[in-house]
Amino acid sequence: METVRKLSLCFLIFALTAGLVPLSAAKNDVTPQIKSEIDRLQESLKAKPITDKDAIQIAAMADGALKAASAAISSGQLYLALEQLGRAEDLLHAARRMDDKAEVEKGGLPAFQAQWNKVSLQLTAFDKEAHSQTWTGSPLAVRALAEAADGKAIPLLEGGQGFATATGPKDGLLYVGQAEGEADFARFCAALKFSGQSPAVPVRSLLPELQNLQDKTNAAFQPPQSIDLHSRFIALNSQLKLAQELDASKFYAGALYAYLEAARHFGMLKMEPLDAAQQAALKQDIGALRTKLASSTNDESMAELFLQRAESYVSHPDGSAPTADEWRGARVILDQVLPAYYAALKPAAPLKQANGKTVEITLVRWPYT
């Protein structure tokens, strides 16, 4: 038996180095870590339910994200589970802060400011650590999710202070909690230990791509589309804003993730509904891409993340039928998001030069909403 184990181990090492086994297969050792974190947060909701009337709905959204993360990890969709876990961390911390508002209600703005100052010190120190993170051996998607979370933390915290000052101390607690949740999720990603050493995916500034997508977004913002799809434009611009901030901070993996999310929102602006034949073709295309990624020896985690998202759109664990938007969303991922990802791995195109004519426009957008 011992001889068999040694032979099996030798074969695995050989297969990995020869490219016979996808590197992702050697990284499933993080699955228990992710599942444990999902379970921990679910247990915390049961042990200490949210009772504040304003926070109950947010807690329910956190619970929904945790259930989605649990379903994803059970289906082997590791990166999708991690993405949903990040959403749950954000929402749950926000609900906890709102639920624990007695001190701020009693002490007013000074009490809020004292809490804010403490969190600010913690997040500033963490942000410094995050910029020195090496990410050796971690898949690109994990690094991207962590960098995106870290990039949102401090702006959300600053937004909380603005709300506390403008509308009332307790109104800032939601954003303080969100900031803490984003930072905790980024820490969790950084602590994940992967086995297999994937070749590092080169990432770079995405300024040309972001400039191009912003130009296309501005051109598309015309009635009636700008009215009928207003919420989609808000989501699109919030992702562009986040991507630009991450790019400026040299969180290039996080900027790539936010850019691809923006590309997805842009693609949804004009994607037509799919008929039965197109839906069947989409499922075949998803299957073909699944086979292609499974046989790759490169770090395909970012493509894997979005493919897992597309798979979750068209195949529900409970057997329910996908919505029209889910069919459209899956098609956009395959036709627009993934090509944008692979194009972003190539050298950057030259930045457009200004034509000498300038127009100053002031946009007021709340962070990441």
Protein backbone atom coordinates (compact mmCIF):
# COMPACT_ATOMS: atom_id res chain seq x y z
CA MET A 1 0.00 0.00 0.00
CA GLU A 2 2.83 2.39 0.88
CA THR A 3 4.43 1.66 -2.51
CA VAL A 4 1.15 2.52 -4.24
CA ARG A 5 0.95 5.84 -2.37
CA LYS A 6 4.49 6.73 -3.39
CA LEU A 7 3.82 5.84 -7.00
CA SER A 8 0.62 7.91 -6.96
CA LEU A 9 2.50 10.90 -5.54
CA CYS A 10 5.25 10.55 -8.11
CA PHE A 11 2.69 10.40 -10.90
CA LEU A 12 0.94 13.55 -9.61
CA ILE A 13 4.23 15.47 -9.50
CA PHE A 14 5.11 14.27 -12.99
CA ALA A 15 1.65 15.03 -14.33
CA LEU A 16 1.71 18.57 -12.96
CA THR A 17 5.13 19.33 -14.40
CA ALA A 18 4.26 17.69 -17.71
CA GLY A 19 0.96 19.54 -17.94
CA LEU A 20 -1.21 16.40 -17.74
CA VAL A 21 -3.22 17.62 -14.73
CA PRO A 22 -4.67 21.14 -14.62
CA LEU A 23 -3.00 23.21 -11.94
CA SER A 24 -6.43 24.08 -10.54
CA ALA A 25 -6.89 20.44 -9.54
CA ALA A 26 -3.95 20.71 -7.17
CA LYS A 27 -5.45 23.77 -5.46
CA ASN A 28 -8.61 22.25 -4.08
CA ASP A 29 -6.96 22.09 -0.67
CA VAL A 30 -8.32 25.62 -0.02
CA THR A 31 -11.90 24.39 -0.38
CA PRO A 32 -12.15 23.41 3.31
CA GLN A 33 -10.85 26.85 4.31
CA ILE A 34 -13.50 28.60 2.26
CA LYS A 35 -16.24 26.26 3.43
CA SER A 36 -15.19 26.80 7.03
CA GLU A 37 -15.45 30.57 6.65
CA ILE A 38 -18.89 30.27 5.05
CA ASP A 39 -20.03 28.02 7.90
CA ARG A 40 -18.60 30.40 10.51
CA LEU A 41 -20.53 33.37 9.15
CA GLN A 42 -23.74 31.37 8.83
CA GLU A 43 -23.39 30.20 12.43
CA SER A 44 -22.81 33.77 13.59
CA LEU A 45 -26.11 34.82 12.02
CA LYS A 46 -27.91 32.02 13.83
CA ALA A 47 -26.18 32.59 17.16
CA LYS A 48 -26.64 36.36 17.12
CA PRO A 49 -29.52 37.32 14.80
CA ILE A 50 -29.77 40.87 13.47
CA THR A 51 -32.70 42.65 15.15
CA ASP A 52 -32.39 46.27 13.99
CA LYS A 53 -35.30 46.98 11.64
CA ASP A 54 -33.07 48.89 9.21
CA ALA A 55 -30.47 46.11 9.12
CA ILE A 56 -32.71 43.04 8.80
CA GLN A 57 -32.95 43.31 5.01
CA ILE A 58 -29.19 43.69 4.70
CA ALA A 59 -28.69 40.65 6.93
CA ALA A 60 -31.08 38.70 4.69
CA MET A 61 -28.98 39.68 1.66
CA ALA A 62 -25.85 38.50 3.49
CA ASP A 63 -27.55 35.20 4.25
CA GLY A 64 -28.50 34.83 0.59
CA ALA A 65 -24.90 35.45 -0.48
CA LEU A 66 -23.68 32.85 2.01
CA LYS A 67 -26.16 30.30 0.68
CA ALA A 68 -24.98 31.06 -2.86
CA ALA A 69 -21.37 30.66 -1.73
CA SER A 70 -22.19 27.35 -0.07
CA ALA A 71 -23.94 26.06 -3.19
CA ALA A 72 -20.99 27.14 -5.33
CA ILE A 73 -18.38 25.44 -3.15
CA SER A 74 -20.49 22.27 -3.12
CA SER A 75 -20.52 22.37 -6.94
CA GLY A 76 -16.75 22.81 -7.12
CA GLN A 77 -17.05 26.46 -8.22
CA LEU A 78 -14.30 27.72 -5.94
CA TYR A 79 -13.85 31.20 -7.38
CA LEU A 80 -17.56 31.90 -7.59
CA ALA A 81 -17.88 30.80 -3.95
CA LEU A 82 -15.10 33.19 -2.98
CA GLU A 83 -16.77 36.05 -4.85
CA GLN A 84 -20.08 35.42 -3.05
CA LEU A 85 -18.26 35.13 0.27
CA GLY A 86 -16.79 38.59 -0.28
CA ARG A 87 -20.26 40.01 -0.88
CA ALA A 88 -21.52 38.31 2.29
CA GLU A 89 -18.63 39.70 4.40
CA ASP A 90 -19.44 43.24 3.23
CA LEU A 91 -23.17 42.94 3.96
CA LEU A 92 -22.87 41.09 7.25
CA HIS A 93 -20.37 43.54 8.75
CA ALA A 94 -22.62 46.40 7.65
CA ALA A 95 -25.64 44.82 9.33
CA ARG A 96 -23.64 44.16 12.51
CA ARG A 97 -22.55 47.80 12.76
CA MET A 98 -26.11 49.00 12.22
CA ASP A 99 -27.44 46.53 14.79
CA ASP A 100 -24.90 47.69 17.37
CA LYS A 101 -25.80 51.39 17.25
CA ALA A 102 -26.80 52.04 20.87
CA GLU A 103 -23.49 53.71 21.77
CA VAL A 104 -23.63 56.04 18.76
CA GLU A 105 -27.30 56.88 19.32
CA LYS A 106 -26.48 57.81 22.91
CA GLY A 107 -23.17 59.58 22.32
CA GLY A 108 -23.92 61.24 18.99
CA LEU A 109 -21.24 62.35 16.56
CA PRO A 110 -18.33 62.17 19.08
CA ALA A 111 -19.15 58.50 19.75
CA PHE A 112 -19.33 57.78 16.02
CA GLN A 113 -16.06 59.63 15.43
CA ALA A 114 -14.32 57.59 18.13
CA GLN A 115 -15.39 54.34 16.43
CA TRP A 116 -14.50 55.73 13.01
CA ASN A 117 -11.02 56.78 14.14
CA LYS A 118 -10.29 53.30 15.48
CA VAL A 119 -11.39 51.61 12.25
CA SER A 120 -9.52 54.19 10.17
CA LEU A 121 -6.23 53.37 11.92
CA GLN A 122 -6.78 49.66 11.34
CA LEU A 123 -7.68 50.01 7.66
CA THR A 124 -4.83 52.42 6.93
CA ALA A 125 -2.35 49.93 8.38
CA PHE A 126 -3.96 47.07 6.46
CA ASP A 127 -3.89 49.02 3.19
CA LYS A 128 -0.15 49.50 3.63
CA GLU A 129 0.29 45.77 4.18
CA ALA A 130 -1.87 44.96 1.16
CA HIS A 131 0.37 46.98 -1.13
CA SER A 132 3.35 44.87 -0.08
CA GLN A 133 1.55 41.53 -0.54
CA THR A 134 3.49 39.30 -2.97
CA TRP A 135 0.74 36.79 -3.89
CA THR A 136 3.32 34.16 -4.79
CA GLY A 137 1.51 30.98 -5.78
CA SER A 138 -1.98 32.48 -5.50
CA PRO A 139 -4.31 32.38 -8.53
CA LEU A 140 -4.88 35.69 -10.26
CA ALA A 141 -8.61 35.66 -9.45
CA VAL A 142 -7.93 35.41 -5.71
CA ARG A 143 -5.50 38.30 -5.84
CA ALA A 144 -7.96 40.31 -7.93
CA LEU A 145 -10.86 39.79 -5.53
CA ALA A 146 -8.65 40.76 -2.58
CA GLU A 147 -7.27 43.88 -4.25
CA ALA A 148 -10.74 45.00 -5.32
CA ALA A 149 -11.98 44.57 -1.75
CA ASP A 150 -9.04 46.47 -0.29
CA GLY A 151 -9.50 49.25 -2.82
CA LYS A 152 -13.11 49.75 -1.71
CA ALA A 153 -12.48 49.73 2.04
CA ILE A 154 -11.11 53.22 2.70
CA PRO A 155 -13.46 55.06 0.26
CA LEU A 156 -16.40 53.34 1.95
CA LEU A 157 -15.08 54.37 5.36
CA GLU A 158 -14.70 57.96 4.22
CA GLY A 159 -18.22 57.84 2.83
CA GLY A 160 -19.46 56.74 6.23
CA GLN A 161 -17.99 59.80 7.85
CA GLY A 162 -19.71 61.97 5.24
CA PHE A 163 -23.09 60.41 5.94
CA ALA A 164 -22.63 60.67 9.71
CA THR A 165 -21.92 64.37 9.39
CA ALA A 166 -24.60 65.16 6.82
CA THR A 167 -27.61 63.10 7.95
CA GLY A 168 -26.83 61.72 11.41
CA PRO A 169 -24.18 59.68 13.25
CA LYS A 170 -25.94 56.31 13.01
CA ASP A 171 -26.33 56.70 9.23
CA GLY A 172 -22.58 56.32 8.80
CA LEU A 173 -22.41 52.95 10.53
CA LEU A 174 -23.51 51.01 7.43
CA TYR A 175 -20.45 52.17 5.48
CA VAL A 176 -18.05 51.68 8.39
CA GLY A 177 -19.27 48.09 8.54
CA GLN A 178 -18.92 47.61 4.80
CA ALA A 179 -15.35 48.90 4.96
CA GLU A 180 -14.51 46.42 7.73
CA GLY A 181 -16.12 43.60 5.75
CA GLU A 182 -14.12 44.38 2.63
CA ALA A 183 -10.87 44.46 4.61
CA ASP A 184 -11.67 41.18 6.41
CA PHE A 185 -12.41 39.48 3.10
CA ALA A 186 -9.14 40.75 1.60
CA ARG A 187 -7.27 39.37 4.63
CA PHE A 188 -9.00 36.02 4.22
CA CYS A 189 -7.96 35.82 0.55
CA ALA A 190 -4.37 36.67 1.43
CA ALA A 191 -4.31 33.90 4.05
CA LEU A 192 -5.43 31.17 1.64
CA LYS A 193 -2.63 28.70 0.97
CA PHE A 194 -2.60 27.11 -2.46
CA SER A 195 -0.54 24.09 -3.40
CA GLY A 196 0.65 24.20 -7.05
CA GLN A 197 2.83 27.02 -8.28
CA SER A 198 0.97 28.48 -11.23
CA PRO A 199 2.99 30.63 -13.62
CA ALA A 200 2.28 34.23 -12.64
CA VAL A 201 -0.09 36.07 -14.97
CA PRO A 202 1.45 39.40 -15.98
CA VAL A 203 -0.81 42.32 -15.10
CA ARG A 204 -0.37 45.94 -16.11
CA SER A 205 -2.05 49.32 -16.07
CA LEU A 206 -5.37 49.26 -17.92
CA LEU A 207 -5.61 52.99 -18.59
CA PRO A 208 -6.06 52.58 -22.38
CA GLU A 209 -8.83 50.02 -21.93
CA LEU A 210 -10.52 52.06 -19.20
CA GLN A 211 -10.34 55.22 -21.28
CA ASN A 212 -11.83 53.43 -24.26
CA LEU A 213 -14.66 51.88 -22.24
CA GLN A 214 -15.42 55.20 -20.54
CA ASP A 215 -15.65 56.88 -23.95
CA LYS A 216 -18.04 54.19 -25.19
CA THR A 217 -20.10 54.49 -22.01
CA ASN A 218 -20.38 58.26 -22.38
CA ALA A 219 -21.47 57.87 -26.00
CA ALA A 220 -24.08 55.26 -25.04
CA PHE A 221 -25.58 57.46 -22.33
CA GLN A 222 -28.34 58.87 -24.50
CA PRO A 223 -32.13 58.74 -24.13
CA PRO A 224 -34.10 56.56 -24.10
CA GLN A 225 -31.38 54.09 -23.09
CA SER A 226 -29.96 56.37 -20.40
CA ILE A 227 -33.44 56.51 -18.82
CA ASP A 228 -34.60 52.92 -19.32
CA LEU A 229 -31.27 51.42 -18.19
CA HIS A 230 -30.33 54.03 -15.61
CA SER A 231 -29.48 51.49 -12.89
CA ARG A 232 -27.27 49.58 -15.33
CA PHE A 233 -25.37 52.78 -16.14
CA ILE A 234 -24.89 53.45 -12.43
CA ALA A 235 -23.41 49.97 -11.94
CA LEU A 236 -21.25 50.37 -15.04
CA ASN A 237 -19.86 53.73 -13.96
CA SER A 238 -19.25 52.56 -10.40
CA GLN A 239 -17.12 49.68 -11.71
CA LEU A 240 -15.23 52.04 -14.00
CA LYS A 241 -14.61 54.36 -11.06
CA LEU A 242 -13.36 51.48 -8.94
CA ALA A 243 -11.14 50.18 -11.75
CA GLN A 244 -9.60 53.62 -12.26
CA GLU A 245 -8.88 53.99 -8.53
CA LEU A 246 -7.37 50.50 -8.31
CA ASP A 247 -5.26 51.15 -11.41
CA ALA A 248 -3.96 54.40 -9.90
CA SER A 249 -3.05 52.47 -6.72
CA LYS A 250 -1.22 49.86 -8.83
CA PHE A 251 -3.65 47.17 -7.73
CA TYR A 252 -3.59 45.95 -11.31
CA ALA A 253 -5.22 42.57 -10.70
CA GLY A 254 -8.11 44.24 -8.88
CA ALA A 255 -8.36 46.83 -11.64
CA LEU A 256 -8.62 44.03 -14.20
CA TYR A 257 -11.47 42.40 -12.28
CA ALA A 258 -13.37 45.70 -11.98
CA TYR A 259 -12.74 46.45 -15.67
CA LEU A 260 -14.19 43.08 -16.68
CA GLU A 261 -17.22 43.74 -14.48
CA ALA A 262 -17.65 47.08 -16.23
CA ALA A 263 -17.34 45.34 -19.60
CA ARG A 264 -20.08 42.93 -18.52
CA HIS A 265 -22.41 45.78 -17.59
CA PHE A 266 -21.65 47.54 -20.88
CA GLY A 267 -22.36 44.38 -22.84
CA MET A 268 -25.73 44.03 -21.14
CA LEU A 269 -26.84 47.42 -22.49
CA LYS A 270 -27.54 46.03 -25.96
CA MET A 271 -27.60 42.26 -25.62
CA GLU A 272 -30.87 40.93 -27.08
CA PRO A 273 -32.89 38.11 -25.46
CA LEU A 274 -31.89 34.59 -26.53
CA ASP A 275 -34.35 32.23 -28.21
CA ALA A 276 -34.38 28.46 -27.56
CA ALA A 277 -31.84 27.69 -30.29
CA GLN A 278 -29.49 30.38 -29.01
CA GLN A 279 -29.84 29.09 -25.47
CA ALA A 280 -28.90 25.59 -26.60
CA ALA A 281 -25.91 26.96 -28.50
CA LEU A 282 -24.83 28.91 -25.43
CA LYS A 283 -24.83 25.76 -23.31
CA GLN A 284 -22.66 24.03 -25.91
CA ASP A 285 -20.25 26.97 -25.95
CA ILE A 286 -20.02 26.92 -22.16
CA GLY A 287 -19.25 23.20 -22.25
CA ALA A 288 -16.56 23.69 -24.88
CA LEU A 289 -14.93 26.45 -22.88
CA ARG A 290 -15.10 24.34 -19.72
CA THR A 291 -13.18 21.58 -21.54
CA LYS A 292 -10.62 24.07 -22.83
CA LEU A 293 -9.92 25.62 -19.43
CA ALA A 294 -9.79 22.24 -17.71
CA SER A 295 -6.97 21.13 -20.00
CA SER A 296 -4.93 24.33 -19.63
CA THR A 297 -1.75 24.36 -17.55
CA ASN A 298 -1.83 28.16 -17.22
CA ASP A 299 -3.45 30.18 -14.47
CA GLU A 300 -6.95 30.46 -15.93
CA SER A 301 -8.54 31.47 -12.64
CA MET A 302 -9.88 34.82 -13.86
CA ALA A 303 -11.49 33.22 -16.89
CA GLU A 304 -12.65 30.42 -14.60
CA LEU A 305 -14.35 32.89 -12.27
CA PHE A 306 -16.44 34.38 -15.05
CA LEU A 307 -17.13 30.99 -16.63
CA GLN A 308 -18.39 29.76 -13.25
CA ARG A 309 -20.62 32.84 -13.13
CA ALA A 310 -22.01 32.00 -16.59
CA GLU A 311 -22.56 28.39 -15.55
CA SER A 312 -24.44 29.52 -12.45
CA TYR A 313 -26.69 31.72 -14.61
CA VAL A 314 -27.86 28.92 -16.91
CA SER A 315 -27.93 26.02 -14.45
CA HIS A 316 -29.55 26.52 -11.04
CA PRO A 317 -28.98 24.04 -8.19
CA ASP A 318 -32.72 23.96 -7.48
CA GLY A 319 -33.56 23.17 -11.10
CA SER A 320 -35.42 26.44 -11.70
CA ALA A 321 -35.34 28.02 -15.14
CA PRO A 322 -32.86 30.83 -15.86
CA THR A 323 -34.29 34.30 -16.33
CA ALA A 324 -33.99 36.16 -19.63
CA ASP A 325 -31.32 38.38 -18.08
CA GLU A 326 -29.32 35.35 -16.93
CA TRP A 327 -29.26 33.92 -20.45
CA ARG A 328 -28.18 37.32 -21.75
CA GLY A 329 -25.58 37.69 -19.01
CA ALA A 330 -23.99 34.32 -19.77
CA ARG A 331 -23.78 35.18 -23.45
CA VAL A 332 -22.15 38.53 -22.65
CA ILE A 333 -19.53 36.78 -20.50
CA LEU A 334 -18.55 34.43 -23.32
CA ASP A 335 -18.73 36.93 -26.16
CA GLN A 336 -17.43 40.11 -24.54
CA VAL A 337 -16.01 39.69 -21.04
CA LEU A 338 -13.63 36.79 -21.69
CA PRO A 339 -12.31 38.25 -24.96
CA ALA A 340 -11.71 41.51 -23.07
CA TYR A 341 -9.77 39.55 -20.44
CA TYR A 342 -7.46 37.84 -22.92
CA ALA A 343 -6.96 41.12 -24.80
CA ALA A 344 -5.92 42.78 -21.51
CA LEU A 345 -3.09 40.24 -21.16
CA LYS A 346 -1.46 41.65 -24.29
CA PRO A 347 0.73 44.78 -24.32
CA ALA A 348 -1.17 48.01 -23.81
CA ALA A 349 -2.32 50.10 -26.74
CA PRO A 350 -1.15 53.74 -26.82
CA LEU A 351 -3.26 56.16 -24.83
CA LYS A 352 -5.44 58.49 -26.85
CA GLN A 353 -4.12 62.03 -27.05
CA ALA A 354 -6.37 64.95 -26.27
CA ASN A 355 -7.55 66.87 -29.37
CA GLY A 356 -7.04 70.24 -27.72
CA LYS A 357 -10.73 70.81 -27.11
CA THR A 358 -11.79 70.20 -23.54
CA VAL A 359 -15.09 70.15 -21.76
CA GLU A 360 -15.21 70.09 -17.97
CA ILE A 361 -17.90 67.78 -16.55
CA THR A 362 -18.48 67.14 -12.87
CA LEU A 363 -19.99 63.74 -12.00
CA VAL A 364 -21.19 63.01 -8.49
CA ARG A 365 -21.25 59.25 -7.86
CA TRP A 366 -21.53 57.43 -4.57
CA PRO A 367 -18.73 54.85 -4.17
CA TYR A 368 -19.50 51.48 -5.76
CA THR A 369 -23.31 51.74 -5.81
